[in-house]
C-alpha atoms as a PDB file:
ATOM      1  CA  MET A   1     168.702  27.855 -47.242  1.00  0.00           C
ATOM      2  CA  GLN A   2     167.634  29.212 -51.265  1.00  0.00           C
ATOM      3  CA  VAL A   3     167.402  26.533 -53.714  1.00  0.00           C
ATOM      4  CA  PHE A   4     168.419  28.118 -57.631  1.00  0.00           C
ATOM      5  CA  ALA A   5     167.961  25.882 -60.806  1.00  0.00           C
ATOM      6  CA  ILE A   6     169.151  27.783 -63.567  1.00  0.00           C
ATOM      7  CA  ALA A   7     167.860  26.539 -66.880  1.00  0.00           C
ATOM      8  CA  ALA A   8     168.597  26.993 -70.972  1.00  0.00           C
ATOM      9  CA  VAL A   9     169.033  25.205 -74.099  1.00  0.00           C
ATOM     10  CA  THR A  10     171.813  22.452 -74.659  1.00  0.00           C
ATOM     11  CA  ALA A  11     174.752  25.009 -74.761  1.00  0.00           C
ATOM     12  CA  GLY A  12     172.780  28.252 -73.773  1.00  0.00           C
ATOM     13  CA  GLY A  13     175.266  28.685 -71.088  1.00  0.00           C
ATOM     14  CA  LYS A  14     174.110  27.296 -68.025  1.00  0.00           C
ATOM     15  CA  THR A  15     177.055  25.724 -66.984  1.00  0.00           C
ATOM     16  CA  THR A  16     179.874  28.416 -67.864  1.00  0.00           C
ATOM     17  CA  SER A  17     177.380  31.227 -65.750  1.00  0.00           C
ATOM     18  CA  VAL A  18     176.656  28.936 -62.979  1.00  0.00           C
ATOM     19  CA  LYS A  19     180.633  28.185 -62.664  1.00  0.00           C
ATOM     20  CA  GLU A  20     181.123  31.774 -62.270  1.00  0.00           C
ATOM     21  CA  VAL A  21     178.379  32.472 -60.320  1.00  0.00           C
ATOM     22  CA  ILE A  22     179.180  30.323 -57.445  1.00  0.00           C
ATOM     23  CA  ARG A  23     182.591  32.030 -57.357  1.00  0.00           C
ATOM     24  CA  TRP A  24     181.141  35.321 -56.729  1.00  0.00           C
ATOM     25  CA  LEU A  25     178.966  33.552 -53.588  1.00  0.00           C
ATOM     26  CA  PRO A  26     181.157  31.980 -50.832  1.00  0.00           C
ATOM     27  CA  ASN A  27     178.495  30.506 -48.758  1.00  0.00           C
ATOM     28  CA  ALA A  28     176.578  28.330 -51.982  1.00  0.00           C
ATOM     29  CA  GLN A  29     177.276  24.855 -53.294  1.00  0.00           C
ATOM     30  CA  LEU A  30     176.260  23.877 -56.485  1.00  0.00           C
ATOM     31  CA  LEU A  31     175.040  20.502 -58.317  1.00  0.00           C
ATOM     32  CA  HIS A  32     175.269  19.352 -62.343  1.00  0.00           C
ATOM     33  CA  PHE A  33     172.524  18.174 -63.796  1.00  0.00           C
ATOM     34  CA  ASP A  34     175.073  16.536 -66.585  1.00  0.00           C
ATOM     35  CA  ALA A  35     176.921  14.848 -63.761  1.00  0.00           C
ATOM     36  CA  TYR A  36     174.355  12.409 -62.950  1.00  0.00           C
ATOM     37  CA  ARG A  37     172.923   9.387 -64.788  1.00  0.00           C
ATOM     38  CA  PHE A  38     169.895   8.876 -64.303  1.00  0.00           C
ATOM     39  CA  GLU A  39     167.075   6.150 -64.934  1.00  0.00           C
ATOM     40  CA  GLY A  40     164.378   6.870 -67.777  1.00  0.00           C
ATOM     41  CA  GLU A  41     166.941   9.141 -69.805  1.00  0.00           C
ATOM     42  CA  VAL A  42     165.968  10.330 -73.097  1.00  0.00           C
ATOM     43  CA  ASP A  43     167.903   8.699 -76.528  1.00  0.00           C
ATOM     44  CA  ASP A  44     165.591   9.700 -78.929  1.00  0.00           C
ATOM     45  CA  PHE A  45     164.129  13.663 -77.934  1.00  0.00           C
ATOM     46  CA  TYR A  46     162.552  13.781 -81.353  1.00  0.00           C
ATOM     47  CA  GLN A  47     160.107  10.737 -80.359  1.00  0.00           C
ATOM     48  CA  TRP A  48     159.954  11.457 -76.856  1.00  0.00           C
ATOM     49  CA  VAL A  49     158.612  14.898 -77.871  1.00  0.00           C
ATOM     50  CA  GLN A  50     156.236  13.148 -80.625  1.00  0.00           C
ATOM     51  CA  ASP A  51     155.151  11.365 -77.058  1.00  0.00           C
ATOM     52  CA  GLY A  52     154.265  14.284 -75.498  1.00  0.00           C
ATOM     53  CA  ALA A  53     157.341  15.535 -73.877  1.00  0.00           C
ATOM     54  CA  ASP A  54     156.834  14.187 -70.723  1.00  0.00           C
ATOM     55  CA  TYR A  55     159.781  15.905 -67.962  1.00  0.00           C
ATOM     56  CA  ASN A  56     158.628  12.938 -65.302  1.00  0.00           C
ATOM     57  CA  VAL A  57     160.531   9.810 -67.525  1.00  0.00           C
ATOM     58  CA  TRP A  58     163.645  11.282 -65.900  1.00  0.00           C
ATOM     59  CA  ASN A  59     163.702   9.439 -62.769  1.00  0.00           C
ATOM     60  CA  LEU A  60     165.735  12.229 -60.569  1.00  0.00           C
ATOM     61  CA  THR A  61     166.679  10.361 -57.386  1.00  0.00           C
ATOM     62  CA  PRO A  62     170.484  10.612 -57.636  1.00  0.00           C
ATOM     63  CA  LEU A  63     169.643  14.501 -58.052  1.00  0.00           C
ATOM     64  CA  GLU A  64     166.847  14.822 -55.384  1.00  0.00           C
ATOM     65  CA  LYS A  65     168.869  12.694 -52.556  1.00  0.00           C
ATOM     66  CA  ASP A  66     171.821  15.087 -52.979  1.00  0.00           C
ATOM     67  CA  ILE A  67     169.618  17.937 -53.051  1.00  0.00           C
ATOM     68  CA  ILE A  68     167.530  16.476 -49.652  1.00  0.00           C
ATOM     69  CA  LYS A  69     171.199  16.218 -48.687  1.00  0.00           C
ATOM     70  CA  ILE A  70     172.980  19.454 -48.519  1.00  0.00           C
ATOM     71  CA  LYS A  71     169.590  21.105 -47.630  1.00  0.00           C
ATOM     72  CA  GLU A  72     169.552  18.717 -44.348  1.00  0.00           C
ATOM     73  CA  GLU A  73     173.890  19.752 -43.869  1.00  0.00           C
ATOM     74  CA  GLY A  74     172.373  23.494 -43.498  1.00  0.00           C
ATOM     75  CA  LYS A  75     176.086  24.186 -44.482  1.00  0.00           C
ATOM     76  CA  CYS A  76     175.393  26.527 -47.216  1.00  0.00           C
ATOM     77  CA  GLU A  77     172.674  30.105 -47.912  1.00  0.00           C
ATOM     78  CA  TYR A  78     172.569  28.975 -51.586  1.00  0.00           C
ATOM     79  CA  LEU A  79     172.186  25.670 -53.699  1.00  0.00           C
ATOM     80  CA  ILE A  80     172.922  26.610 -57.282  1.00  0.00           C
ATOM     81  CA  LEU A  81     171.618  24.021 -59.774  1.00  0.00           C
ATOM     82  CA  ASP A  82     172.811  23.473 -63.188  1.00  0.00           C
ATOM     83  CA  TYR A  83     169.583  21.917 -64.116  1.00  0.00           C
ATOM     84  CA  PRO A  84     167.647  22.258 -67.281  1.00  0.00           C
ATOM     85  CA  PHE A  85     163.738  21.289 -66.582  1.00  0.00           C
ATOM     86  CA  ALA A  86     163.255  24.495 -64.169  1.00  0.00           C
ATOM     87  CA  TYR A  87     159.830  23.294 -62.719  1.00  0.00           C
ATOM     88  CA  CYS A  88     158.838  20.643 -65.271  1.00  0.00           C
ATOM     89  CA  ASN A  89     160.039  17.788 -63.377  1.00  0.00           C
ATOM     90  CA  ALA A  90     157.815  17.190 -60.455  1.00  0.00           C
ATOM     91  CA  GLN A  91     160.321  15.088 -58.248  1.00  0.00           C
ATOM     92  CA  ILE A  92     162.336  18.134 -57.801  1.00  0.00           C
ATOM     93  CA  GLU A  93     160.516  21.459 -58.740  1.00  0.00           C
ATOM     94  CA  LYS A  94     159.672  21.216 -55.176  1.00  0.00           C
ATOM     95  CA  TYR A  95     163.292  21.665 -54.373  1.00  0.00           C
ATOM     96  CA  ILE A  96     163.156  24.811 -56.185  1.00  0.00           C
ATOM     97  CA  ASP A  97     162.715  28.472 -54.648  1.00  0.00           C
ATOM     98  CA  VAL A  98     163.671  30.221 -57.601  1.00  0.00           C
ATOM     99  CA  ALA A  99     163.943  29.000 -61.520  1.00  0.00           C
ATOM    100  CA  VAL A 100     166.002  31.376 -64.027  1.00  0.00           C
ATOM    101  CA  PHE A 101     166.035  30.312 -68.022  1.00  0.00           C
ATOM    102  CA  ILE A 102     168.564  32.160 -70.072  1.00  0.00           C
ATOM    103  CA  ASP A 103     166.676  32.624 -73.207  1.00  0.00           C
ATOM    104  CA  THR A 104     169.818  31.782 -75.698  1.00  0.00           C
ATOM    105  CA  PRO A 105     168.707  31.719 -79.852  1.00  0.00           C
ATOM    106  CA  LEU A 106     168.794  28.598 -80.988  1.00  0.00           C
ATOM    107  CA  ASP A 107     171.049  29.406 -83.775  1.00  0.00           C
ATOM    108  CA  ILE A 108     173.888  30.889 -80.890  1.00  0.00           C
ATOM    109  CA  ALA A 109     173.689  27.629 -78.916  1.00  0.00           C
ATOM    110  CA  LEU A 110     174.049  25.081 -82.319  1.00  0.00           C
ATOM    111  CA  ALA A 111     177.113  27.660 -82.933  1.00  0.00           C
ATOM    112  CA  ARG A 112     178.563  27.301 -79.298  1.00  0.00           C
ATOM    113  CA  ARG A 113     177.963  23.483 -79.284  1.00  0.00           C
ATOM    114  CA  ILE A 114     179.746  22.599 -82.484  1.00  0.00           C
ATOM    115  CA  LEU A 115     182.751  24.703 -81.427  1.00  0.00           C
ATOM    116  CA  ARG A 116     182.908  23.222 -77.703  1.00  0.00           C
ATOM    117  CA  ASP A 117     181.790  19.986 -78.255  1.00  0.00           C
ATOM    118  CA  MET A 118     183.374  19.422 -81.914  1.00  0.00           C
ATOM    119  CA  GLY A 119     186.691  21.289 -82.295  1.00  0.00           C
ATOM    120  CA  ASN A 120     188.304  18.556 -83.685  1.00  0.00           C
ATOM    121  CA  ALA A 121     185.695  16.791 -85.663  1.00  0.00           C
ATOM    122  CA  SER A 122     185.685  16.392 -89.827  1.00  0.00           C
ATOM    123  CA  GLY A 123     183.620  18.284 -92.237  1.00  0.00           C
ATOM    124  CA  GLU A 124     181.126  15.388 -92.546  1.00  0.00           C
ATOM    125  CA  LYS A 125     181.313  14.811 -88.952  1.00  0.00           C
ATOM    126  CA  ILE A 126     179.598  18.354 -88.492  1.00  0.00           C
ATOM    127  CA  ARG A 127     177.916  18.230 -91.339  1.00  0.00           C
ATOM    128  CA  SER A 128     176.256  14.708 -90.295  1.00  0.00           C
ATOM    129  CA  ASP A 129     175.704  16.557 -87.089  1.00  0.00           C
ATOM    130  CA  LEU A 130     173.581  19.309 -88.214  1.00  0.00           C
ATOM    131  CA  ARG A 131     171.359  16.893 -89.877  1.00  0.00           C
ATOM    132  CA  GLY A 132     170.587  15.261 -87.186  1.00  0.00           C
ATOM    133  CA  TYR A 133     170.084  18.848 -85.766  1.00  0.00           C
ATOM    134  CA  LEU A 134     167.966  19.672 -88.011  1.00  0.00           C
ATOM    135  CA  GLU A 135     166.020  16.532 -88.518  1.00  0.00           C
ATOM    136  CA  TYR A 136     165.510  14.664 -85.060  1.00  0.00           C
ATOM    137  CA  ALA A 137     166.850  17.219 -81.767  1.00  0.00           C
ATOM    138  CA  ARG A 138     165.764  21.068 -83.143  1.00  0.00           C
ATOM    139  CA  VAL A 139     162.234  20.088 -81.820  1.00  0.00           C
ATOM    140  CA  ALA A 140     163.246  19.452 -78.146  1.00  0.00           C
ATOM    141  CA  TYR A 141     165.649  22.659 -78.182  1.00  0.00           C
ATOM    142  CA  VAL A 142     162.081  24.372 -79.036  1.00  0.00           C
ATOM    143  CA  GLN A 143     159.955  22.008 -77.054  1.00  0.00           C
ATOM    144  CA  MET A 144     162.128  23.576 -74.208  1.00  0.00           C
ATOM    145  CA  LEU A 145     161.161  27.202 -75.301  1.00  0.00           C
ATOM    146  CA  LYS A 146     157.615  26.232 -75.111  1.00  0.00           C
ATOM    147  CA  ASP A 147     157.805  24.453 -71.460  1.00  0.00           C
ATOM    148  CA  ILE A 148     160.571  25.532 -69.676  1.00  0.00           C
ATOM    149  CA  LEU A 149     161.306  29.615 -70.600  1.00  0.00           C
ATOM    150  CA  PRO A 150     157.415  30.481 -69.451  1.00  0.00           C
ATOM    151  CA  SER A 151     157.526  27.991 -66.412  1.00  0.00           C
ATOM    152  CA  SER A 152     160.524  30.178 -65.283  1.00  0.00           C
ATOM    153  CA  ASP A 153     160.755  32.916 -62.795  1.00  0.00           C
ATOM    154  CA  HIS A 154     163.283  34.929 -64.640  1.00  0.00           C
ATOM    155  CA  VAL A 155     164.394  35.152 -67.836  1.00  0.00           C
ATOM    156  CA  ILE A 156     167.475  36.727 -68.901  1.00  0.00           C
ATOM    157  CA  ASP A 157     168.935  37.885 -72.356  1.00  0.00           C
ATOM    158  CA  GLY A 158     171.268  34.845 -73.421  1.00  0.00           C
ATOM    159  CA  THR A 159     173.103  37.303 -76.412  1.00  0.00           C
ATOM    160  CA  LYS A 160     174.443  38.775 -73.204  1.00  0.00           C
ATOM    161  CA  SER A 161     177.780  38.462 -72.207  1.00  0.00           C
ATOM    162  CA  VAL A 162     178.866  35.799 -69.578  1.00  0.00           C
ATOM    163  CA  GLU A 163     179.518  38.542 -67.211  1.00  0.00           C
ATOM    164  CA  ALA A 164     176.237  40.475 -67.622  1.00  0.00           C
ATOM    165  CA  ILE A 165     173.909  36.829 -67.385  1.00  0.00           C
ATOM    166  CA  VAL A 166     176.542  36.156 -64.095  1.00  0.00           C
ATOM    167  CA  GLU A 167     175.750  39.581 -62.468  1.00  0.00           C
ATOM    168  CA  GLU A 168     171.963  39.449 -63.184  1.00  0.00           C
ATOM    169  CA  ILE A 169     171.464  35.758 -61.888  1.00  0.00           C
ATOM    170  CA  ILE A 170     173.933  37.391 -58.877  1.00  0.00           C
ATOM    171  CA  GLU A 171     171.256  40.634 -58.584  1.00  0.00           C
ATOM    172  CA  ILE A 172     168.360  37.518 -58.464  1.00  0.00           C
ATOM    173  CA  ILE A 173     169.810  35.615 -55.670  1.00  0.00           C
ATOM    174  CA  LYS A 174     170.514  38.189 -53.529  1.00  0.00           C
ATOM    175  CA  GLY A 175     167.526  39.424 -54.426  1.00  0.00           C
END
């Protein structure tokens, strides 16, 4: 069984893409990073970057246990991880065979996040969120571009259509 990590910044297209990929791969399973709660989760990403952006502060034991379980069961050919860190967390990197980064420009990711998460929000709430992004959160997005993108085995243009991104990921998986 091969393990493929699909990474991107928040709202960069990871979840949308992997949900489609899994539909086209009959012998695959999918794990979503966002479905877990982890010890050491970072609340203040600005401070996390200022402190050196250590991806190992996340204790990813629950995800690791599920990866091990799926590998031991041997019931699938591919395990797809909707996972933001590629090889940058030592606890999970040893399980990853191939890391793919969807390189979505930050303005597009921000627009998608606002559309996805703030559809019913007031103008003031959206403005407040944008101020928070500019003052605190953007540095973490930029950090991912510095760390995760270059450590990935493949980089896909995140401005492409979902269909084109999915096709590229499937080509990578099927080798």
